[in-house]
Amino acid sequence: MNSTVIGMIIGMAVVTYIPRLLPFVLFKGKEMPFFLQGVLKNIPYATLGALIFPGVLLIQDDITYGLLGAAAAILIAYFGANVIVVVLGAIAVLSVYSIFIPL
């Protein structure tokens, strides 16, 4: 392996490790405000939504296809189904939709 590649791997490891280590070092033994805790707890959901929503709208030329799949997934998840069941249910709904309404 080239020494440049090894240096890049080490550099990327350091750059990835530092942002993960800093909050533990800076906030050790300190209590964050309640509002900030609430904001930080919602970041994963906001990020997931930002990643998924454009894909829902751009999955096919027909926007109905993505919206139908998202609606099916939301409805199944609303009733408390497991994540696997939600994904398989959305796939099943879109499979039936694509049989009856050809793209």
N, C-alpha and C. Protein backbone atom coordinates (compact mmCIF):
# COMPACT_ATOMS: atom_id res chain seq x y z
N MET A 1 0.84 -1.16 0.00
CA MET A 1 0.00 0.00 0.00
C MET A 1 0.90 1.24 0.00
N ASN A 2 0.49 2.23 -0.72
CA ASN A 2 1.23 3.47 -0.85
C ASN A 2 1.17 4.25 0.47
N SER A 3 2.25 4.94 0.81
CA SER A 3 2.28 5.70 2.06
C SER A 3 1.28 6.86 2.03
N THR A 4 0.97 7.38 0.84
CA THR A 4 -0.04 8.43 0.73
C THR A 4 -1.41 7.91 1.13
N VAL A 5 -1.73 6.70 0.72
CA VAL A 5 -3.03 6.11 1.06
C VAL A 5 -3.11 5.86 2.56
N ILE A 6 -2.06 5.37 3.15
CA ILE A 6 -2.04 5.14 4.60
C ILE A 6 -2.21 6.46 5.34
N GLY A 7 -1.52 7.50 4.88
CA GLY A 7 -1.66 8.82 5.49
C GLY A 7 -3.08 9.36 5.38
N MET A 8 -3.72 9.12 4.24
CA MET A 8 -5.11 9.56 4.06
C MET A 8 -6.05 8.81 4.99
N ILE A 9 -5.82 7.53 5.16
CA ILE A 9 -6.67 6.73 6.06
C ILE A 9 -6.51 7.21 7.50
N ILE A 10 -5.29 7.46 7.92
CA ILE A 10 -5.06 7.96 9.27
C ILE A 10 -5.67 9.35 9.44
N GLY A 11 -5.50 10.20 8.45
CA GLY A 11 -6.09 11.54 8.50
C GLY A 11 -7.60 11.51 8.59
N MET A 12 -8.23 10.66 7.79
CA MET A 12 -9.69 10.55 7.83
C MET A 12 -10.16 9.99 9.18
N ALA A 13 -9.39 9.08 9.75
CA ALA A 13 -9.75 8.53 11.07
C ALA A 13 -9.69 9.63 12.13
N VAL A 14 -8.67 10.46 12.09
CA VAL A 14 -8.54 11.54 13.07
C VAL A 14 -9.66 12.56 12.89
N VAL A 15 -9.94 12.94 11.63
CA VAL A 15 -11.00 13.92 11.36
C VAL A 15 -12.37 13.38 11.77
N THR A 16 -12.58 12.09 11.67
CA THR A 16 -13.84 11.50 12.09
C THR A 16 -13.92 11.37 13.61
N TYR A 17 -12.82 11.07 14.24
CA TYR A 17 -12.81 10.82 15.68
C TYR A 17 -12.96 12.09 16.50
N ILE A 18 -12.33 13.17 16.06
CA ILE A 18 -12.34 14.42 16.85
C ILE A 18 -13.75 14.95 17.10
N PRO A 19 -14.64 15.07 16.08
CA PRO A 19 -15.99 15.58 16.39
C PRO A 19 -16.79 14.65 17.30
N ARG A 20 -16.46 13.39 17.33
CA ARG A 20 -17.16 12.47 18.23
C ARG A 20 -16.62 12.55 19.65
N LEU A 21 -15.37 12.89 19.78
CA LEU A 21 -14.74 12.96 21.10
C LEU A 21 -15.02 14.29 21.80
N LEU A 22 -15.07 15.39 21.04
CA LEU A 22 -15.22 16.71 21.65
C LEU A 22 -16.44 16.86 22.55
N PRO A 23 -17.63 16.42 22.16
CA PRO A 23 -18.76 16.57 23.08
C PRO A 23 -18.57 15.85 24.41
N PHE A 24 -17.94 14.70 24.39
CA PHE A 24 -17.70 13.98 25.64
C PHE A 24 -16.72 14.73 26.54
N VAL A 25 -15.72 15.33 25.93
CA VAL A 25 -14.73 16.06 26.71
C VAL A 25 -15.30 17.39 27.20
N LEU A 26 -15.98 18.12 26.33
CA LEU A 26 -16.47 19.45 26.69
C LEU A 26 -17.66 19.42 27.65
N PHE A 27 -18.53 18.43 27.52
CA PHE A 27 -19.76 18.39 28.31
C PHE A 27 -19.72 17.36 29.44
N LYS A 28 -18.55 16.86 29.76
CA LYS A 28 -18.44 15.86 30.82
C LYS A 28 -18.84 16.48 32.16
N GLY A 29 -19.82 15.86 32.80
CA GLY A 29 -20.27 16.31 34.10
C GLY A 29 -21.17 17.54 34.07
N LYS A 30 -21.56 18.02 32.88
CA LYS A 30 -22.42 19.20 32.78
C LYS A 30 -23.80 18.77 32.29
N GLU A 31 -24.79 19.46 32.76
CA GLU A 31 -26.18 19.18 32.36
C GLU A 31 -26.58 20.18 31.28
N MET A 32 -27.04 19.68 30.17
CA MET A 32 -27.49 20.56 29.09
C MET A 32 -28.89 21.08 29.40
N PRO A 33 -29.22 22.28 28.90
CA PRO A 33 -30.58 22.79 29.10
C PRO A 33 -31.62 21.87 28.46
N PHE A 34 -32.82 21.86 29.04
CA PHE A 34 -33.88 20.98 28.57
C PHE A 34 -34.21 21.22 27.10
N PHE A 35 -34.26 22.48 26.70
CA PHE A 35 -34.59 22.82 25.31
C PHE A 35 -33.55 22.22 24.36
N LEU A 36 -32.27 22.36 24.69
CA LEU A 36 -31.21 21.83 23.84
C LEU A 36 -31.27 20.31 23.77
N GLN A 37 -31.61 19.65 24.87
CA GLN A 37 -31.77 18.20 24.85
C GLN A 37 -32.88 17.79 23.89
N GLY A 38 -34.00 18.54 23.92
CA GLY A 38 -35.10 18.25 23.01
C GLY A 38 -34.71 18.42 21.55
N VAL A 39 -33.95 19.47 21.27
CA VAL A 39 -33.50 19.71 19.89
C VAL A 39 -32.58 18.59 19.44
N LEU A 40 -31.64 18.21 20.27
CA LEU A 40 -30.68 17.17 19.90
C LEU A 40 -31.33 15.80 19.73
N LYS A 41 -32.39 15.55 20.49
CA LYS A 41 -33.08 14.26 20.35
C LYS A 41 -33.84 14.17 19.03
N ASN A 42 -34.21 15.30 18.44
CA ASN A 42 -34.97 15.29 17.19
C ASN A 42 -34.10 15.37 15.95
N ILE A 43 -32.82 15.57 16.09
CA ILE A 43 -31.94 15.67 14.92
C ILE A 43 -31.95 14.39 14.07
N PRO A 44 -31.88 13.19 14.64
CA PRO A 44 -31.91 12.00 13.77
C PRO A 44 -33.18 11.91 12.92
N TYR A 45 -34.32 12.29 13.48
CA TYR A 45 -35.57 12.22 12.72
C TYR A 45 -35.59 13.26 11.61
N ALA A 46 -35.10 14.45 11.89
CA ALA A 46 -35.05 15.50 10.88
C ALA A 46 -34.10 15.12 9.75
N THR A 47 -32.96 14.54 10.10
CA THR A 47 -32.00 14.13 9.09
C THR A 47 -32.56 13.01 8.23
N LEU A 48 -33.20 12.05 8.86
CA LEU A 48 -33.80 10.95 8.11
C LEU A 48 -34.87 11.46 7.15
N GLY A 49 -35.69 12.38 7.62
CA GLY A 49 -36.71 12.97 6.76
C GLY A 49 -36.11 13.72 5.59
N ALA A 50 -35.03 14.46 5.84
CA ALA A 50 -34.37 15.21 4.78
C ALA A 50 -33.73 14.28 3.75
N LEU A 51 -33.30 13.11 4.16
CA LEU A 51 -32.71 12.16 3.23
C LEU A 51 -33.78 11.40 2.44
N ILE A 52 -34.89 11.08 3.07
CA ILE A 52 -35.91 10.25 2.43
C ILE A 52 -36.85 11.05 1.54
N PHE A 53 -37.27 12.23 1.97
CA PHE A 53 -38.32 12.97 1.26
C PHE A 53 -38.00 13.25 -0.21
N PRO A 54 -36.79 13.71 -0.57
CA PRO A 54 -36.52 13.91 -2.00
C PRO A 54 -36.59 12.61 -2.81
N GLY A 55 -36.18 11.52 -2.20
CA GLY A 55 -36.26 10.23 -2.89
C GLY A 55 -37.68 9.79 -3.14
N VAL A 56 -38.58 10.14 -2.22
CA VAL A 56 -40.00 9.81 -2.40
C VAL A 56 -40.56 10.52 -3.62
N LEU A 57 -40.17 11.77 -3.79
CA LEU A 57 -40.71 12.56 -4.90
C LEU A 57 -40.04 12.25 -6.24
N LEU A 58 -38.84 11.72 -6.20
CA LEU A 58 -38.08 11.52 -7.44
C LEU A 58 -37.88 10.06 -7.81
N ILE A 59 -38.59 9.13 -7.15
CA ILE A 59 -38.35 7.71 -7.40
C ILE A 59 -38.78 7.30 -8.82
N GLN A 60 -39.84 7.88 -9.32
CA GLN A 60 -40.34 7.61 -10.67
C GLN A 60 -40.73 8.92 -11.31
N ASP A 61 -41.00 8.88 -12.64
CA ASP A 61 -41.51 10.08 -13.30
C ASP A 61 -42.89 10.44 -12.77
N ASP A 62 -43.66 9.42 -12.41
CA ASP A 62 -44.99 9.64 -11.85
C ASP A 62 -44.85 9.86 -10.35
N ILE A 63 -45.14 11.07 -9.89
CA ILE A 63 -44.98 11.41 -8.48
C ILE A 63 -45.94 10.62 -7.59
N THR A 64 -47.04 10.16 -8.18
CA THR A 64 -48.03 9.38 -7.42
C THR A 64 -47.41 8.10 -6.86
N TYR A 65 -46.50 7.52 -7.61
CA TYR A 65 -45.84 6.29 -7.19
C TYR A 65 -45.13 6.47 -5.85
N GLY A 66 -44.32 7.51 -5.73
CA GLY A 66 -43.60 7.76 -4.49
C GLY A 66 -44.52 8.15 -3.36
N LEU A 67 -45.51 8.98 -3.65
CA LEU A 67 -46.43 9.41 -2.61
C LEU A 67 -47.28 8.25 -2.10
N LEU A 68 -47.67 7.34 -2.99
CA LEU A 68 -48.45 6.17 -2.58
C LEU A 68 -47.61 5.27 -1.67
N GLY A 69 -46.35 5.06 -2.03
CA GLY A 69 -45.47 4.25 -1.19
C GLY A 69 -45.23 4.87 0.17
N ALA A 70 -45.03 6.19 0.19
CA ALA A 70 -44.84 6.89 1.47
C ALA A 70 -46.10 6.83 2.31
N ALA A 71 -47.26 7.02 1.68
CA ALA A 71 -48.52 6.97 2.43
C ALA A 71 -48.74 5.58 3.02
N ALA A 72 -48.44 4.55 2.24
CA ALA A 72 -48.59 3.18 2.74
C ALA A 72 -47.66 2.93 3.92
N ALA A 73 -46.41 3.38 3.81
CA ALA A 73 -45.45 3.18 4.89
C ALA A 73 -45.87 3.94 6.15
N ILE A 74 -46.35 5.17 5.98
CA ILE A 74 -46.79 5.97 7.13
C ILE A 74 -47.99 5.33 7.80
N LEU A 75 -48.93 4.86 6.99
CA LEU A 75 -50.13 4.23 7.54
C LEU A 75 -49.80 2.95 8.30
N ILE A 76 -48.94 2.13 7.73
CA ILE A 76 -48.55 0.88 8.40
C ILE A 76 -47.78 1.17 9.68
N ALA A 77 -46.89 2.16 9.63
CA ALA A 77 -46.11 2.52 10.81
C ALA A 77 -47.00 3.14 11.89
N TYR A 78 -48.04 3.85 11.49
CA TYR A 78 -48.96 4.46 12.44
C TYR A 78 -49.61 3.41 13.34
N PHE A 79 -49.88 2.24 12.77
CA PHE A 79 -50.52 1.18 13.53
C PHE A 79 -49.51 0.37 14.35
N GLY A 80 -48.25 0.81 14.39
CA GLY A 80 -47.26 0.23 15.28
C GLY A 80 -46.52 -0.98 14.74
N ALA A 81 -46.47 -1.12 13.43
CA ALA A 81 -45.79 -2.28 12.85
C ALA A 81 -44.27 -2.12 12.96
N ASN A 82 -43.60 -3.24 12.91
CA ASN A 82 -42.15 -3.31 12.91
C ASN A 82 -41.62 -2.64 11.63
N VAL A 83 -40.36 -2.18 11.66
CA VAL A 83 -39.77 -1.50 10.50
C VAL A 83 -39.75 -2.42 9.28
N ILE A 84 -39.45 -3.69 9.49
CA ILE A 84 -39.43 -4.65 8.37
C ILE A 84 -40.82 -4.76 7.76
N VAL A 85 -41.84 -4.82 8.59
CA VAL A 85 -43.22 -4.92 8.10
C VAL A 85 -43.59 -3.65 7.33
N VAL A 86 -43.15 -2.50 7.80
CA VAL A 86 -43.43 -1.24 7.11
C VAL A 86 -42.80 -1.24 5.72
N VAL A 87 -41.55 -1.64 5.63
CA VAL A 87 -40.86 -1.66 4.34
C VAL A 87 -41.51 -2.67 3.41
N LEU A 88 -41.75 -3.88 3.90
CA LEU A 88 -42.38 -4.90 3.06
C LEU A 88 -43.80 -4.52 2.66
N GLY A 89 -44.53 -3.87 3.54
CA GLY A 89 -45.88 -3.41 3.21
C GLY A 89 -45.87 -2.36 2.12
N ALA A 90 -44.94 -1.40 2.20
CA ALA A 90 -44.84 -0.38 1.15
C ALA A 90 -44.43 -1.01 -0.18
N ILE A 91 -43.53 -1.97 -0.13
CA ILE A 91 -43.13 -2.67 -1.37
C ILE A 91 -44.32 -3.42 -1.95
N ALA A 92 -45.10 -4.07 -1.11
CA ALA A 92 -46.28 -4.81 -1.59
C ALA A 92 -47.30 -3.87 -2.23
N VAL A 93 -47.56 -2.74 -1.58
CA VAL A 93 -48.52 -1.78 -2.14
C VAL A 93 -48.04 -1.27 -3.49
N LEU A 94 -46.76 -0.94 -3.59
CA LEU A 94 -46.23 -0.43 -4.86
C LEU A 94 -46.17 -1.52 -5.92
N SER A 95 -45.97 -2.76 -5.51
CA SER A 95 -45.99 -3.86 -6.48
C SER A 95 -47.38 -4.03 -7.07
N VAL A 96 -48.39 -4.01 -6.22
CA VAL A 96 -49.78 -4.12 -6.69
C VAL A 96 -50.13 -2.92 -7.57
N TYR A 97 -49.70 -1.73 -7.16
CA TYR A 97 -49.97 -0.52 -7.94
C TYR A 97 -49.32 -0.61 -9.31
N SER A 98 -48.09 -1.10 -9.38
CA SER A 98 -47.40 -1.17 -10.67
C SER A 98 -48.00 -2.25 -11.58
N ILE A 99 -48.66 -3.26 -11.02
CA ILE A 99 -49.32 -4.28 -11.85
C ILE A 99 -50.56 -3.69 -12.51
N PHE A 100 -51.33 -2.94 -11.72
CA PHE A 100 -52.60 -2.40 -12.24
C PHE A 100 -52.40 -1.11 -13.03
N ILE A 101 -51.43 -0.33 -12.68
CA ILE A 101 -51.16 0.93 -13.39
C ILE A 101 -49.75 0.84 -13.93
N PRO A 102 -49.57 0.41 -15.18
CA PRO A 102 -48.21 0.27 -15.72
C PRO A 102 -47.52 1.63 -15.84
N LEU A 103 -46.24 1.64 -15.56
CA LEU A 103 -45.47 2.89 -15.61
C LEU A 103 -45.15 3.25 -17.00
